[in-house]
Every structure is written in C-alpha cells, then in structure tokens.
C-alpha cells in the first residue's frame, strides 16, 4: 500500500509556471512507476506524464511535451511536475498515481492521490 498526497496547485496566468509535488508514504515509492493524470470538468481523466522507477525512462503526452517536466527523488519519496508555458486548456485537477508499468491509462495504476486543482487564466 502507498498513500499519495499532491500539493502545489493554484491559479496562474497563461504563460506562467507551477510546480506540483506528490509525497508518497507507506510502501516506498521507489517500488512504483509514478505518473500524473489530469481531469477537466466534464472530461475523462487523461494521461499527462509517467516516470520509471529509476528515472531512466519518461513518457509524455503530446499536449505537454516540451512544456512539462517530471522528476522524482526516491530518497525523499517525492515526485514533482514542473509545468511551464501554461495554457488555459491545462486547467484541470491533477492527480498523482503509482503503478507497475509506464502506462498511459488510468486502469494501469493502482494508487491515486486526492488531486490538486490547477487553473490557468487567459
């Protein structure tokens, strides 16, 4: 079992930046692939980015490639998402997730945080 808690969301103007963090407790997060998903009102939860256990492999959604950067610190059991050049369409609740493969669909992840709201104003 692992518990995930996101932080760092907020309101930012278009073109701005935010850094989200995900703190893991319980079973160490280094045992898991970690990912971020997001869900906008009225839309399905969508994949944003995933990172392998040793940070050797990352997978980004095309919509965020070149703007978002994922990183992890296994010693601190944290995962971060640096979001640059934010757009209004990035507005969503962002969820941290833990799983066993670098997948891009929610069923591939076993544990989820409660989410943090990111709002980008135009």
N, C-alpha and C. Protein backbone atom coordinates (compact mmCIF):
# COMPACT_ATOMS: atom_id res chain seq x y z
N UNK A 1 0.83 -1.19 0.00
CA UNK A 1 0.00 0.00 0.00
C UNK A 1 0.87 1.24 0.00
N UNK A 2 0.43 2.25 -0.71
CA UNK A 2 1.12 3.53 -0.71
C UNK A 2 0.07 4.62 -0.73
N UNK A 3 0.31 5.65 0.04
CA UNK A 3 -0.59 6.80 0.08
C UNK A 3 0.10 7.96 -0.64
N UNK A 4 -0.67 8.68 -1.44
CA UNK A 4 -0.15 9.77 -2.25
C UNK A 4 -0.87 11.07 -1.91
N UNK A 5 -0.11 12.13 -1.73
CA UNK A 5 -0.70 13.44 -1.43
C UNK A 5 -0.06 14.48 -2.35
N UNK A 6 -0.90 15.13 -3.15
CA UNK A 6 -0.43 16.15 -4.06
C UNK A 6 -0.48 17.52 -3.41
N UNK A 7 0.36 18.41 -3.89
CA UNK A 7 0.35 19.80 -3.45
C UNK A 7 0.91 20.67 -4.56
N UNK A 8 0.71 21.98 -4.44
CA UNK A 8 1.32 22.92 -5.37
C UNK A 8 0.39 23.49 -6.41
N UNK A 9 -0.86 23.05 -6.43
CA UNK A 9 -1.79 23.61 -7.39
C UNK A 9 -2.14 25.05 -7.06
N UNK A 10 -2.84 25.70 -7.98
CA UNK A 10 -3.25 27.07 -7.75
C UNK A 10 -3.71 27.75 -9.02
N UNK A 11 -3.81 29.07 -8.93
CA UNK A 11 -4.24 29.89 -10.06
C UNK A 11 -3.03 30.59 -10.65
N UNK A 12 -2.88 30.51 -11.96
CA UNK A 12 -1.74 31.15 -12.64
C UNK A 12 -2.22 31.70 -13.98
N UNK A 13 -1.57 32.75 -14.43
CA UNK A 13 -1.90 33.32 -15.73
C UNK A 13 -1.28 32.49 -16.84
N UNK A 14 -1.89 32.55 -18.00
CA UNK A 14 -1.35 31.86 -19.17
C UNK A 14 0.09 32.30 -19.40
N UNK A 15 0.93 31.32 -19.71
CA UNK A 15 2.35 31.59 -19.89
C UNK A 15 3.16 31.42 -18.63
N UNK A 16 2.50 31.29 -17.51
CA UNK A 16 3.18 31.14 -16.23
C UNK A 16 3.59 29.71 -15.95
N UNK A 17 4.10 29.50 -14.73
CA UNK A 17 4.61 28.19 -14.33
C UNK A 17 4.07 27.79 -12.96
N UNK A 18 4.00 26.50 -12.76
CA UNK A 18 3.66 25.92 -11.46
C UNK A 18 4.46 24.65 -11.29
N UNK A 19 4.76 24.32 -10.03
CA UNK A 19 5.39 23.04 -9.73
C UNK A 19 4.48 22.27 -8.79
N UNK A 20 4.07 21.10 -9.23
CA UNK A 20 3.28 20.20 -8.40
C UNK A 20 4.21 19.19 -7.74
N UNK A 21 3.82 18.80 -6.53
CA UNK A 21 4.58 17.77 -5.82
C UNK A 21 3.64 16.67 -5.37
N UNK A 22 4.19 15.48 -5.27
CA UNK A 22 3.43 14.32 -4.80
C UNK A 22 4.31 13.62 -3.77
N UNK A 23 3.80 13.55 -2.56
CA UNK A 23 4.53 12.88 -1.47
C UNK A 23 3.92 11.52 -1.25
N UNK A 24 4.77 10.51 -1.20
CA UNK A 24 4.32 9.14 -1.00
C UNK A 24 4.67 8.67 0.40
N UNK A 25 3.77 7.92 0.99
CA UNK A 25 4.02 7.30 2.29
C UNK A 25 3.53 5.87 2.25
N UNK A 26 3.92 5.11 3.25
CA UNK A 26 3.61 3.69 3.23
C UNK A 26 4.73 2.96 2.52
N UNK A 27 4.39 2.07 1.66
CA UNK A 27 5.42 1.37 0.90
C UNK A 27 6.18 2.38 0.05
N UNK A 28 7.48 2.26 0.01
CA UNK A 28 8.32 3.24 -0.63
C UNK A 28 7.97 3.43 -2.10
N UNK A 29 7.95 4.67 -2.54
CA UNK A 29 7.53 4.97 -3.91
C UNK A 29 8.53 4.45 -4.93
N UNK A 30 9.76 4.13 -4.51
CA UNK A 30 10.74 3.66 -5.49
C UNK A 30 10.34 2.31 -6.08
N UNK A 31 9.36 1.67 -5.46
CA UNK A 31 8.88 0.39 -5.97
C UNK A 31 7.91 0.56 -7.12
N UNK A 32 7.54 1.79 -7.42
CA UNK A 32 6.47 2.04 -8.37
C UNK A 32 6.88 2.98 -9.49
N UNK A 33 6.27 2.74 -10.63
CA UNK A 33 6.23 3.76 -11.67
C UNK A 33 5.30 4.86 -11.16
N UNK A 34 5.67 6.11 -11.39
CA UNK A 34 4.85 7.22 -10.94
C UNK A 34 4.37 8.02 -12.14
N UNK A 35 3.18 8.57 -12.02
CA UNK A 35 2.60 9.29 -13.14
C UNK A 35 1.72 10.44 -12.66
N UNK A 36 1.46 11.33 -13.58
CA UNK A 36 0.47 12.38 -13.36
C UNK A 36 -0.61 12.26 -14.44
N UNK A 37 -1.85 12.37 -13.98
CA UNK A 37 -3.01 12.45 -14.85
C UNK A 37 -3.73 13.76 -14.52
N UNK A 38 -4.66 14.14 -15.38
CA UNK A 38 -5.46 15.31 -15.10
C UNK A 38 -6.88 15.09 -15.60
N UNK A 39 -7.79 15.81 -14.98
CA UNK A 39 -9.19 15.69 -15.36
C UNK A 39 -9.84 17.06 -15.30
N UNK A 40 -10.33 17.50 -16.45
CA UNK A 40 -11.06 18.77 -16.55
C UNK A 40 -12.55 18.48 -16.38
N UNK A 41 -13.32 19.49 -15.99
CA UNK A 41 -14.76 19.28 -15.80
C UNK A 41 -15.42 18.73 -17.05
N UNK A 42 -16.20 17.69 -16.87
CA UNK A 42 -16.93 17.10 -17.98
C UNK A 42 -16.10 16.24 -18.90
N UNK A 43 -14.84 16.04 -18.56
CA UNK A 43 -13.96 15.24 -19.43
C UNK A 43 -13.42 14.04 -18.67
N UNK A 44 -12.93 13.07 -19.43
CA UNK A 44 -12.34 11.89 -18.83
C UNK A 44 -10.94 12.22 -18.29
N UNK A 45 -10.50 11.42 -17.35
CA UNK A 45 -9.16 11.58 -16.82
C UNK A 45 -8.16 11.23 -17.92
N UNK A 46 -7.17 12.11 -18.12
CA UNK A 46 -6.22 11.89 -19.20
C UNK A 46 -4.79 11.84 -18.69
N UNK A 47 -4.00 11.07 -19.39
CA UNK A 47 -2.59 10.90 -19.06
C UNK A 47 -1.81 12.17 -19.35
N UNK A 48 -0.88 12.48 -18.45
CA UNK A 48 0.00 13.64 -18.65
C UNK A 48 1.45 13.17 -18.84
N UNK A 49 1.96 12.42 -17.86
CA UNK A 49 3.36 12.01 -17.93
C UNK A 49 3.58 10.88 -16.93
N UNK A 50 4.57 10.04 -17.23
CA UNK A 50 4.97 8.97 -16.31
C UNK A 50 6.48 8.86 -16.28
N UNK A 51 7.00 8.33 -15.17
CA UNK A 51 8.44 8.18 -15.00
C UNK A 51 8.71 6.80 -14.40
N UNK A 52 9.74 6.15 -14.91
CA UNK A 52 10.08 4.81 -14.44
C UNK A 52 10.69 4.87 -13.03
N UNK A 53 10.88 3.70 -12.45
CA UNK A 53 11.33 3.61 -11.06
C UNK A 53 12.68 4.31 -10.84
N UNK A 54 13.58 4.17 -11.80
CA UNK A 54 14.93 4.75 -11.63
C UNK A 54 15.12 6.03 -12.42
N UNK A 55 14.03 6.61 -12.91
CA UNK A 55 14.04 7.86 -13.69
C UNK A 55 14.69 7.70 -15.05
N UNK A 56 14.96 6.48 -15.46
CA UNK A 56 15.63 6.27 -16.73
C UNK A 56 14.75 6.42 -17.95
N UNK A 57 13.46 6.39 -17.73
CA UNK A 57 12.51 6.49 -18.85
C UNK A 57 11.35 7.37 -18.45
N UNK A 58 10.99 8.30 -19.33
CA UNK A 58 9.81 9.12 -19.12
C UNK A 58 8.93 9.07 -20.36
N UNK A 59 7.65 9.27 -20.13
CA UNK A 59 6.69 9.23 -21.22
C UNK A 59 5.75 10.40 -21.05
N UNK A 60 5.65 11.25 -22.07
CA UNK A 60 4.83 12.45 -22.00
C UNK A 60 3.68 12.40 -23.00
N UNK A 61 2.57 12.98 -22.61
CA UNK A 61 1.50 13.22 -23.58
C UNK A 61 1.96 14.29 -24.56
N UNK A 62 1.54 14.18 -25.79
CA UNK A 62 1.96 15.15 -26.81
C UNK A 62 1.57 16.57 -26.42
N UNK A 63 0.46 16.70 -25.73
CA UNK A 63 -0.05 18.03 -25.39
C UNK A 63 0.84 18.79 -24.40
N UNK A 64 1.71 18.07 -23.69
CA UNK A 64 2.55 18.74 -22.69
C UNK A 64 4.04 18.61 -23.00
N UNK A 65 4.37 17.87 -24.01
CA UNK A 65 5.78 17.64 -24.35
C UNK A 65 6.48 18.97 -24.62
N UNK A 66 7.63 19.15 -24.01
CA UNK A 66 8.39 20.39 -24.18
C UNK A 66 8.01 21.48 -23.20
N UNK A 67 6.90 21.31 -22.50
CA UNK A 67 6.46 22.32 -21.52
C UNK A 67 6.51 21.80 -20.08
N UNK A 68 6.21 20.51 -19.91
CA UNK A 68 6.17 19.91 -18.58
C UNK A 68 7.39 19.01 -18.40
N UNK A 69 7.87 18.93 -17.15
CA UNK A 69 8.99 18.05 -16.82
C UNK A 69 8.70 17.31 -15.53
N UNK A 70 8.80 16.00 -15.58
CA UNK A 70 8.60 15.18 -14.39
C UNK A 70 9.96 14.79 -13.83
N UNK A 71 10.02 14.70 -12.50
CA UNK A 71 11.23 14.23 -11.84
C UNK A 71 10.82 13.52 -10.56
N UNK A 72 11.73 12.71 -10.03
CA UNK A 72 11.43 12.02 -8.79
C UNK A 72 12.67 11.96 -7.93
N UNK A 73 12.45 11.93 -6.63
CA UNK A 73 13.52 11.79 -5.65
C UNK A 73 13.15 10.60 -4.78
N UNK A 74 13.72 9.45 -5.08
CA UNK A 74 13.36 8.23 -4.36
C UNK A 74 13.79 8.28 -2.90
N UNK A 75 14.83 9.01 -2.60
CA UNK A 75 15.28 9.13 -1.20
C UNK A 75 14.24 9.88 -0.37
N UNK A 76 13.54 10.80 -1.00
CA UNK A 76 12.53 11.59 -0.29
C UNK A 76 11.11 11.12 -0.57
N UNK A 77 10.97 10.09 -1.41
CA UNK A 77 9.64 9.58 -1.77
C UNK A 77 8.75 10.68 -2.34
N UNK A 78 9.31 11.46 -3.23
CA UNK A 78 8.53 12.54 -3.85
C UNK A 78 8.66 12.50 -5.37
N UNK A 79 7.63 12.99 -6.01
CA UNK A 79 7.61 13.16 -7.45
C UNK A 79 7.15 14.59 -7.73
N UNK A 80 7.81 15.23 -8.66
CA UNK A 80 7.46 16.62 -8.98
C UNK A 80 7.08 16.75 -10.45
N UNK A 81 6.25 17.73 -10.70
CA UNK A 81 5.87 18.05 -12.08
C UNK A 81 6.04 19.56 -12.25
N UNK A 82 7.03 19.95 -13.03
CA UNK A 82 7.25 21.36 -13.35
C UNK A 82 6.49 21.67 -14.62
N UNK A 83 5.60 22.63 -14.53
CA UNK A 83 4.75 22.98 -15.66
C UNK A 83 5.07 24.41 -16.09
N UNK A 84 5.60 24.54 -17.29
CA UNK A 84 5.93 25.84 -17.86
C UNK A 84 5.00 26.18 -19.01
N UNK A 85 5.00 27.44 -19.38
CA UNK A 85 4.20 27.90 -20.54
C UNK A 85 2.76 27.39 -20.45
N UNK A 86 2.18 27.55 -19.30
CA UNK A 86 0.84 27.02 -19.07
C UNK A 86 -0.19 27.70 -19.95
N UNK A 87 -1.17 26.92 -20.35
CA UNK A 87 -2.25 27.37 -21.23
C UNK A 87 -3.59 27.18 -20.51
N UNK A 88 -4.60 27.94 -20.89
CA UNK A 88 -5.92 27.73 -20.27
C UNK A 88 -6.41 26.29 -20.39
N UNK A 89 -6.06 25.62 -21.46
CA UNK A 89 -6.51 24.24 -21.63
C UNK A 89 -5.79 23.26 -20.70
N UNK A 90 -4.80 23.73 -19.95
CA UNK A 90 -4.17 22.89 -18.94
C UNK A 90 -4.96 22.89 -17.63
N UNK A 91 -6.00 23.72 -17.56
CA UNK A 91 -6.82 23.77 -16.36
C UNK A 91 -7.48 22.42 -16.09
N UNK A 92 -7.28 21.90 -14.89
CA UNK A 92 -7.80 20.58 -14.53
C UNK A 92 -7.42 20.29 -13.08
N UNK A 93 -7.98 19.21 -12.57
CA UNK A 93 -7.48 18.63 -11.33
C UNK A 93 -6.38 17.64 -11.72
N UNK A 94 -5.23 17.79 -11.10
CA UNK A 94 -4.08 16.94 -11.42
C UNK A 94 -3.92 15.89 -10.33
N UNK A 95 -3.77 14.65 -10.78
CA UNK A 95 -3.67 13.51 -9.87
C UNK A 95 -2.31 12.83 -10.02
N UNK A 96 -1.75 12.47 -8.89
CA UNK A 96 -0.55 11.64 -8.85
C UNK A 96 -1.00 10.18 -8.75
N UNK A 97 -0.27 9.30 -9.43
CA UNK A 97 -0.64 7.89 -9.43
C UNK A 97 0.60 7.02 -9.37
N UNK A 98 0.44 5.83 -8.82
CA UNK A 98 1.53 4.86 -8.71
C UNK A 98 1.10 3.54 -9.30
N UNK A 99 1.98 2.93 -10.09
CA UNK A 99 1.66 1.67 -10.72
C UNK A 99 2.90 0.85 -10.98
N UNK A 100 2.75 -0.18 -11.80
CA UNK A 100 3.87 -1.10 -12.05
C UNK A 100 4.38 -1.07 -13.47
N UNK A 101 3.74 -0.30 -14.34
CA UNK A 101 4.24 -0.16 -15.71
C UNK A 101 4.04 1.27 -16.17
N UNK A 102 4.84 1.69 -17.14
CA UNK A 102 4.76 3.07 -17.63
C UNK A 102 3.62 3.17 -18.64
N UNK A 103 2.42 3.07 -18.12
CA UNK A 103 1.25 3.09 -18.97
C UNK A 103 0.65 4.47 -19.09
N UNK A 104 -0.32 4.58 -19.98
CA UNK A 104 -0.97 5.87 -20.23
C UNK A 104 -2.46 5.83 -19.97
N UNK A 105 -2.93 4.80 -19.30
CA UNK A 105 -4.36 4.72 -19.00
C UNK A 105 -4.56 4.53 -17.50
N UNK A 106 -5.62 5.11 -16.95
CA UNK A 106 -5.85 5.02 -15.50
C UNK A 106 -5.89 3.60 -14.94
N UNK A 107 -6.48 2.61 -15.63
CA UNK A 107 -6.53 1.27 -15.04
C UNK A 107 -5.15 0.65 -14.80
N UNK A 108 -4.11 1.20 -15.42
CA UNK A 108 -2.77 0.65 -15.24
C UNK A 108 -2.12 1.11 -13.94
N UNK A 109 -2.80 1.96 -13.21
CA UNK A 109 -2.25 2.49 -11.96
C UNK A 109 -3.11 2.06 -10.78
N UNK A 110 -2.42 1.69 -9.70
CA UNK A 110 -3.09 1.07 -8.56
C UNK A 110 -3.44 2.05 -7.45
N UNK A 111 -2.67 3.12 -7.32
CA UNK A 111 -2.86 4.04 -6.22
C UNK A 111 -2.96 5.47 -6.75
N UNK A 112 -3.82 6.24 -6.10
CA UNK A 112 -4.10 7.61 -6.55
C UNK A 112 -4.13 8.57 -5.37
N UNK A 113 -3.69 9.80 -5.65
CA UNK A 113 -3.87 10.85 -4.68
C UNK A 113 -5.26 11.48 -4.82
N UNK A 114 -5.51 12.48 -4.00
CA UNK A 114 -6.83 13.11 -3.99
C UNK A 114 -6.95 14.22 -5.03
N UNK A 115 -5.83 14.63 -5.59
CA UNK A 115 -5.85 15.63 -6.64
C UNK A 115 -5.59 17.04 -6.15
N UNK A 116 -5.07 17.87 -7.03
CA UNK A 116 -4.84 19.28 -6.73
C UNK A 116 -5.28 20.10 -7.94
N UNK A 117 -5.99 21.19 -7.69
CA UNK A 117 -6.57 21.99 -8.77
C UNK A 117 -5.52 22.93 -9.36
N UNK A 118 -5.47 22.93 -10.67
CA UNK A 118 -4.65 23.89 -11.42
C UNK A 118 -5.58 24.68 -12.32
N UNK A 119 -5.56 25.98 -12.18
CA UNK A 119 -6.40 26.85 -13.00
C UNK A 119 -5.51 27.86 -13.72
N UNK A 120 -5.62 27.90 -15.04
CA UNK A 120 -4.82 28.81 -15.85
C UNK A 120 -5.76 29.83 -16.48
N UNK A 121 -5.57 31.07 -16.14
CA UNK A 121 -6.44 32.13 -16.67
C UNK A 121 -5.83 32.71 -17.95
N UNK A 122 -6.73 33.13 -18.83
CA UNK A 122 -6.27 33.69 -20.12
C UNK A 122 -6.04 35.19 -20.03
